C-alpha atoms as a PDB file:
ATOM      1  CA  MET A   1       0.000   0.000   0.000  1.00  0.00           C
ATOM      2  CA  THR A   2       1.434   3.376  -0.976  1.00  0.00           C
ATOM      3  CA  GLU A   3       1.685   6.423   1.234  1.00  0.00           C
ATOM      4  CA  GLU A   4      -1.040   8.219  -0.785  1.00  0.00           C
ATOM      5  CA  SER A   5      -3.594   5.404  -0.514  1.00  0.00           C
ATOM      6  CA  ARG A   6      -3.115   5.122   3.262  1.00  0.00           C
ATOM      7  CA  HIS A   7      -4.079   8.765   3.707  1.00  0.00           C
ATOM      8  CA  GLY A   8      -7.241   8.557   1.604  1.00  0.00           C
ATOM      9  CA  ALA A   9      -5.957  10.180  -1.596  1.00  0.00           C
ATOM     10  CA  ALA A  10      -7.008   8.277  -4.705  1.00  0.00           C
ATOM     11  CA  VAL A  11      -4.275   6.575  -6.635  1.00  0.00           C
ATOM     12  CA  ILE A  12      -4.652   7.183 -10.350  1.00  0.00           C
ATOM     13  CA  PRO A  13      -3.665   4.359 -12.702  1.00  0.00           C
ATOM     14  CA  GLU A  14      -0.834   5.162 -15.088  1.00  0.00           C
ATOM     15  CA  ALA A  15      -3.090   5.170 -18.185  1.00  0.00           C
ATOM     16  CA  LYS A  16      -5.376   7.754 -16.602  1.00  0.00           C
ATOM     17  CA  GLN A  17      -2.367   9.817 -15.519  1.00  0.00           C
ATOM     18  CA  ARG A  18      -1.300   9.916 -19.179  1.00  0.00           C
ATOM     19  CA  GLN A  19      -4.826  11.014 -20.208  1.00  0.00           C
ATOM     20  CA  VAL A  20      -4.761  13.784 -17.601  1.00  0.00           C
ATOM     21  CA  ALA A  21      -1.284  14.914 -18.740  1.00  0.00           C
ATOM     22  CA  GLU A  22      -2.330  14.917 -22.429  1.00  0.00           C
ATOM     23  CA  LEU A  23      -5.495  16.905 -21.703  1.00  0.00           C
ATOM     24  CA  ALA A  24      -3.559  19.332 -19.472  1.00  0.00           C
ATOM     25  CA  GLU A  25      -1.080  19.885 -22.305  1.00  0.00           C
ATOM     26  CA  LYS A  26      -3.924  20.576 -24.768  1.00  0.00           C
ATOM     27  CA  LEU A  27      -5.635  22.927 -22.326  1.00  0.00           C
ATOM     28  CA  GLY A  28      -2.341  24.715 -21.758  1.00  0.00           C
ATOM     29  CA  ARG A  29      -1.828  25.554 -25.434  1.00  0.00           C
ATOM     30  CA  MET A  30      -5.441  26.153 -26.484  1.00  0.00           C
ATOM     31  CA  ARG A  31      -6.860  29.519 -27.561  1.00  0.00           C
ATOM     32  CA  SER A  32     -10.405  28.482 -26.693  1.00  0.00           C
ATOM     33  CA  ALA A  33     -12.501  25.519 -25.652  1.00  0.00           C
ATOM     34  CA  VAL A  34     -16.233  24.875 -25.490  1.00  0.00           C
ATOM     35  CA  LEU A  35     -17.829  22.324 -23.182  1.00  0.00           C
ATOM     36  CA  SER A  36     -20.879  20.499 -24.478  1.00  0.00           C
ATOM     37  CA  ASP A  37     -23.375  17.867 -23.479  1.00  0.00           C
ATOM     38  CA  TYR A  38     -23.414  15.025 -25.993  1.00  0.00           C
ATOM     39  CA  ARG A  39     -26.391  13.155 -24.477  1.00  0.00           C
ATOM     40  CA  GLY A  40     -28.982  12.116 -27.020  1.00  0.00           C
ATOM     41  CA  LEU A  41     -26.578  12.124 -29.963  1.00  0.00           C
ATOM     42  CA  SER A  42     -26.401   8.900 -31.896  1.00  0.00           C
ATOM     43  CA  VAL A  43     -22.993   7.563 -32.878  1.00  0.00           C
ATOM     44  CA  ALA A  44     -23.625   8.744 -36.457  1.00  0.00           C
ATOM     45  CA  ARG A  45     -24.529  12.285 -35.296  1.00  0.00           C
ATOM     46  CA  LEU A  46     -21.526  12.390 -32.983  1.00  0.00           C
ATOM     47  CA  GLU A  47     -19.242  11.368 -35.871  1.00  0.00           C
ATOM     48  CA  GLU A  48     -20.861  14.033 -38.074  1.00  0.00           C
ATOM     49  CA  LEU A  49     -20.160  16.641 -35.392  1.00  0.00           C
ATOM     50  CA  ARG A  50     -16.561  15.430 -34.972  1.00  0.00           C
ATOM     51  CA  ALA A  51     -16.021  15.680 -38.746  1.00  0.00           C
ATOM     52  CA  SER A  52     -17.334  19.280 -38.781  1.00  0.00           C
ATOM     53  CA  LEU A  53     -15.072  20.215 -35.885  1.00  0.00           C
ATOM     54  CA  ARG A  54     -12.057  18.473 -37.431  1.00  0.00           C
ATOM     55  CA  ALA A  55     -12.636  20.385 -40.697  1.00  0.00           C
ATOM     56  CA  ALA A  56     -12.468  23.610 -38.651  1.00  0.00           C
ATOM     57  CA  GLY A  57      -9.192  22.510 -37.005  1.00  0.00           C
ATOM     58  CA  VAL A  58     -10.827  21.703 -33.660  1.00  0.00           C
ATOM     59  CA  ASP A  59     -10.200  18.667 -31.418  1.00  0.00           C
ATOM     60  CA  TYR A  60     -13.313  17.099 -29.859  1.00  0.00           C
ATOM     61  CA  LEU A  61     -12.834  14.870 -26.829  1.00  0.00           C
ATOM     62  CA  VAL A  62     -15.318  13.055 -24.615  1.00  0.00           C
ATOM     63  CA  LEU A  63     -14.243  13.626 -21.023  1.00  0.00           C
ATOM     64  CA  LYS A  64     -14.492  11.996 -17.666  1.00  0.00           C
ATOM     65  CA  ASN A  65     -15.242  14.965 -15.428  1.00  0.00           C
ATOM     66  CA  THR A  66     -12.879  13.886 -12.646  1.00  0.00           C
ATOM     67  CA  LEU A  67      -9.966  13.575 -15.066  1.00  0.00           C
ATOM     68  CA  ALA A  68     -10.914  16.879 -16.722  1.00  0.00           C
ATOM     69  CA  ARG A  69     -10.863  18.627 -13.330  1.00  0.00           C
ATOM     70  CA  ARG A  70      -7.386  17.231 -12.633  1.00  0.00           C
ATOM     71  CA  ALA A  71      -6.150  18.262 -16.084  1.00  0.00           C
ATOM     72  CA  GLY A  72      -7.653  21.723 -15.593  1.00  0.00           C
ATOM     73  CA  LYS A  73      -5.867  22.024 -12.275  1.00  0.00           C
ATOM     74  CA  GLN A  74      -2.546  21.038 -13.888  1.00  0.00           C
ATOM     75  CA  ALA A  75      -3.134  23.608 -16.667  1.00  0.00           C
ATOM     76  CA  GLY A  76      -4.170  26.303 -14.175  1.00  0.00           C
ATOM     77  CA  LEU A  77      -7.769  26.369 -15.422  1.00  0.00           C
ATOM     78  CA  THR A  78      -9.943  25.376 -12.483  1.00  0.00           C
ATOM     79  CA  GLU A  79     -12.493  28.131 -13.214  1.00  0.00           C
ATOM     80  CA  PHE A  80     -14.534  25.978 -15.586  1.00  0.00           C
ATOM     81  CA  ASN A  81     -14.950  23.092 -13.103  1.00  0.00           C
ATOM     82  CA  THR A  82     -18.547  24.165 -12.399  1.00  0.00           C
ATOM     83  CA  GLN A  83     -19.406  23.406 -16.045  1.00  0.00           C
ATOM     84  CA  LEU A  84     -18.125  19.831 -15.734  1.00  0.00           C
ATOM     85  CA  VAL A  85     -21.426  18.181 -14.853  1.00  0.00           C
ATOM     86  CA  GLY A  86     -22.919  15.104 -16.515  1.00  0.00           C
ATOM     87  CA  PRO A  87     -21.703  13.652 -19.810  1.00  0.00           C
ATOM     88  CA  THR A  88     -19.208  16.193 -21.115  1.00  0.00           C
ATOM     89  CA  ALA A  89     -17.230  16.705 -24.297  1.00  0.00           C
ATOM     90  CA  ILE A  90     -14.795  19.499 -25.025  1.00  0.00           C
ATOM     91  CA  ALA A  91     -14.027  21.167 -28.351  1.00  0.00           C
ATOM     92  CA  ILE A  92     -10.529  22.690 -28.306  1.00  0.00           C
ATOM     93  CA  SER A  93      -9.049  25.158 -30.782  1.00  0.00           C
ATOM     94  CA  TYR A  94      -5.394  26.105 -30.892  1.00  0.00           C
ATOM     95  CA  GLU A  95      -5.664  28.810 -33.576  1.00  0.00           C
ATOM     96  CA  ASP A  96      -9.110  30.246 -34.380  1.00  0.00           C
ATOM     97  CA  ILE A  97     -10.643  31.438 -31.116  1.00  0.00           C
ATOM     98  CA  SER A  98     -14.225  31.318 -32.406  1.00  0.00           C
ATOM     99  CA  ALA A  99     -14.070  28.022 -34.354  1.00  0.00           C
ATOM    100  CA  PRO A 100     -15.274  25.605 -31.643  1.00  0.00           C
ATOM    101  CA  ALA A 101     -18.062  27.961 -30.576  1.00  0.00           C
ATOM    102  CA  ARG A 102     -19.164  28.587 -34.173  1.00  0.00           C
ATOM    103  CA  VAL A 103     -19.278  24.895 -35.145  1.00  0.00           C
ATOM    104  CA  LEU A 104     -21.010  23.727 -31.939  1.00  0.00           C
ATOM    105  CA  ILE A 105     -23.567  26.560 -31.942  1.00  0.00           C
ATOM    106  CA  ASP A 106     -24.342  25.986 -35.646  1.00  0.00           C
ATOM    107  CA  TYR A 107     -24.733  22.265 -34.966  1.00  0.00           C
ATOM    108  CA  ALA A 108     -26.932  22.917 -31.915  1.00  0.00           C
ATOM    109  CA  ARG A 109     -29.172  25.293 -33.914  1.00  0.00           C
ATOM    110  CA  ALA A 110     -29.460  22.916 -36.866  1.00  0.00           C
ATOM    111  CA  ASN A 111     -30.381  20.011 -34.575  1.00  0.00           C
ATOM    112  CA  ARG A 112     -32.569  21.987 -32.150  1.00  0.00           C
ATOM    113  CA  ARG A 113     -30.238  21.256 -29.237  1.00  0.00           C
ATOM    114  CA  THR A 114     -30.256  24.669 -27.574  1.00  0.00           C
ATOM    115  CA  ASP A 115     -28.998  23.229 -24.266  1.00  0.00           C
ATOM    116  CA  MET A 116     -26.048  21.423 -25.843  1.00  0.00           C
ATOM    117  CA  VAL A 117     -23.413  24.094 -25.053  1.00  0.00           C
ATOM    118  CA  ARG A 118     -22.577  24.410 -21.351  1.00  0.00           C
ATOM    119  CA  GLY A 119     -19.963  27.121 -21.532  1.00  0.00           C
ATOM    120  CA  GLY A 120     -16.326  27.463 -22.350  1.00  0.00           C
ATOM    121  CA  ILE A 121     -13.081  29.269 -21.915  1.00  0.00           C
ATOM    122  CA  ALA A 122     -11.326  31.692 -24.264  1.00  0.00           C
ATOM    123  CA  GLU A 123      -7.930  33.254 -23.664  1.00  0.00           C
ATOM    124  CA  GLY A 124      -8.194  32.263 -19.984  1.00  0.00           C
ATOM    125  CA  GLN A 125     -11.667  33.765 -19.449  1.00  0.00           C
ATOM    126  CA  VAL A 126     -14.547  31.492 -18.456  1.00  0.00           C
ATOM    127  CA  LEU A 127     -17.564  31.892 -20.749  1.00  0.00           C
ATOM    128  CA  SER A 128     -21.232  31.285 -20.033  1.00  0.00           C
ATOM    129  CA  PRO A 129     -23.375  29.614 -22.714  1.00  0.00           C
ATOM    130  CA  GLY A 130     -24.582  33.079 -23.806  1.00  0.00           C
ATOM    131  CA  GLU A 131     -21.022  34.333 -24.160  1.00  0.00           C
ATOM    132  CA  VAL A 132     -20.156  31.241 -26.206  1.00  0.00           C
ATOM    133  CA  ARG A 133     -23.055  32.171 -28.553  1.00  0.00           C
ATOM    134  CA  GLN A 134     -21.605  35.693 -28.873  1.00  0.00           C
ATOM    135  CA  LEU A 135     -18.185  34.240 -29.611  1.00  0.00           C
ATOM    136  CA  ALA A 136     -19.762  32.027 -32.291  1.00  0.00           C
ATOM    137  CA  ASP A 137     -21.174  35.115 -34.014  1.00  0.00           C
ATOM    138  CA  LEU A 138     -17.703  36.638 -34.433  1.00  0.00           C
ATOM    139  CA  PRO A 139     -16.321  36.353 -37.957  1.00  0.00           C
ATOM    140  CA  SER A 140     -13.461  33.936 -38.480  1.00  0.00           C
ATOM    141  CA  ARG A 141      -9.871  35.138 -38.359  1.00  0.00           C
ATOM    142  CA  GLU A 142      -9.620  35.040 -42.167  1.00  0.00           C
ATOM    143  CA  VAL A 143     -12.748  37.185 -42.576  1.00  0.00           C
ATOM    144  CA  LEU A 144     -11.466  39.701 -40.012  1.00  0.00           C
ATOM    145  CA  ILE A 145      -8.121  39.933 -41.821  1.00  0.00           C
ATOM    146  CA  ALA A 146      -9.893  40.446 -45.163  1.00  0.00           C
ATOM    147  CA  GLN A 147     -12.058  43.184 -43.630  1.00  0.00           C
ATOM    148  CA  LEU A 148      -8.978  44.880 -42.165  1.00  0.00           C
ATOM    149  CA  LEU A 149      -7.168  44.747 -45.503  1.00  0.00           C
ATOM    150  CA  GLY A 150     -10.235  46.248 -47.196  1.00  0.00           C
ATOM    151  CA  VAL A 151     -10.262  49.107 -44.709  1.00  0.00           C
ATOM    152  CA  LEU A 152      -6.530  49.677 -45.186  1.00  0.00           C
ATOM    153  CA  GLU A 153      -6.770  49.463 -48.989  1.00  0.00           C
ATOM    154  CA  ALA A 154      -9.566  52.038 -49.378  1.00  0.00           C
ATOM    155  CA  PRO A 155      -7.474  55.155 -48.577  1.00  0.00           C
ATOM    156  CA  ILE A 156      -4.674  53.946 -50.856  1.00  0.00           C
ATOM    157  CA  SER A 157      -7.140  53.437 -53.724  1.00  0.00           C
ATOM    158  CA  GLN A 158      -8.586  56.916 -53.116  1.00  0.00           C
ATOM    159  CA  LEU A 159      -5.090  58.436 -53.114  1.00  0.00           C
ATOM    160  CA  ALA A 160      -4.221  56.661 -56.362  1.00  0.00           C
ATOM    161  CA  GLY A 161      -7.454  57.963 -57.900  1.00  0.00           C
ATOM    162  CA  LEU A 162      -6.716  61.517 -56.750  1.00  0.00           C
ATOM    163  CA  LEU A 163      -3.178  61.387 -58.117  1.00  0.00           C
ATOM    164  CA  ASP A 164      -4.413  59.962 -61.421  1.00  0.00           C
ATOM    165  CA  ALA A 165      -7.282  62.483 -61.789  1.00  0.00           C
ATOM    166  CA  PRO A 166      -5.253  65.498 -63.047  1.00  0.00           C
ATOM    167  CA  GLY A 167      -3.647  63.387 -65.784  1.00  0.00           C
ATOM    168  CA  ARG A 168      -7.031  61.944 -66.777  1.00  0.00           C
ATOM    169  CA  ASP A 169      -8.567  65.418 -66.764  1.00  0.00           C
ATOM    170  CA  LEU A 170      -5.729  66.795 -68.898  1.00  0.00           C
ATOM    171  CA  VAL A 171      -6.110  63.971 -71.431  1.00  0.00           C
ATOM    172  CA  GLY A 172      -9.865  64.557 -71.510  1.00  0.00           C
ATOM    173  CA  LEU A 173      -9.319  68.300 -72.013  1.00  0.00           C
ATOM    174  CA  LEU A 174      -6.825  67.697 -74.831  1.00  0.00           C
ATOM    175  CA  ASP A 175      -9.226  65.217 -76.481  1.00  0.00           C
ATOM    176  CA  ALA A 176     -12.045  67.770 -76.257  1.00  0.00           C
ATOM    177  CA  GLN A 177      -9.761  70.497 -77.676  1.00  0.00           C
ATOM    178  CA  GLU A 178      -8.724  68.205 -80.517  1.00  0.00           C
ATOM    179  CA  GLN A 179     -12.367  67.382 -81.241  1.00  0.00           C
ATOM    180  CA  ALA A 180     -13.227  71.065 -81.235  1.00  0.00           C
ATOM    181  CA  LEU A 181     -10.313  71.930 -83.503  1.00  0.00           C
ATOM    182  CA  GLY A 182     -10.800  68.847 -85.634  1.00  0.00           C
ATOM    183  CA  GLY A 183     -14.545  69.507 -85.832  1.00  0.00           C
ATOM    184  CA  SER A 184     -14.108  73.189 -86.824  1.00  0.00           C
ATOM    185  CA  ALA A 185     -11.248  72.333 -89.206  1.00  0.00           C
ATOM    186  CA  GLY A 186     -13.438  69.662 -90.783  1.00  0.00           C
ATOM    187  CA  SER A 187     -16.347  72.123 -91.228  1.00  0.00           C
ATOM    188  CA  ALA A 188     -14.008  74.826 -92.614  1.00  0.00           C
ATOM    189  CA  ALA A 189     -12.665  72.358 -95.199  1.00  0.00           C
ATOM    190  CA  ALA A 190     -16.164  71.453 -96.327  1.00  0.00           C
END
């Protein structure tokens, strides 16, 4: 009998210790995670959801709450322990902060599972289900970058147009003058 088991602390088998360490490592490097309830999903629906999340670059793991609490403690994220109730799965993103929220909320809406999302964590902040919905409504990183580039490009395009305008106007004026001279010279010759 080990020292830990004599004093009432649970001894965790090596395989579970590895699971806790792996989850703690994922939680430590994530940008965001969303906790969900997967009850009532058939295996086919669960695989469909996993495929959607995978396509968005999101890991989806079914958790044992006790192991998730231990992994959260190792990663310094004990704040979301209150959301670890009942059958729980976690969608983890390492790049796009809104990807897990967007995919899970879209899936929940499409399948009328409004209670599916329990909450989440983004950049170290615990999120309620309502805040996860708000996060899901944010555009993706690529869309935000495209919008920013559009905003930055507009003044440059305007400047180019302003700098080009005098030359265009001069060419137009010379064409009009030529037409006027050509038109009057043509009528004088006739």
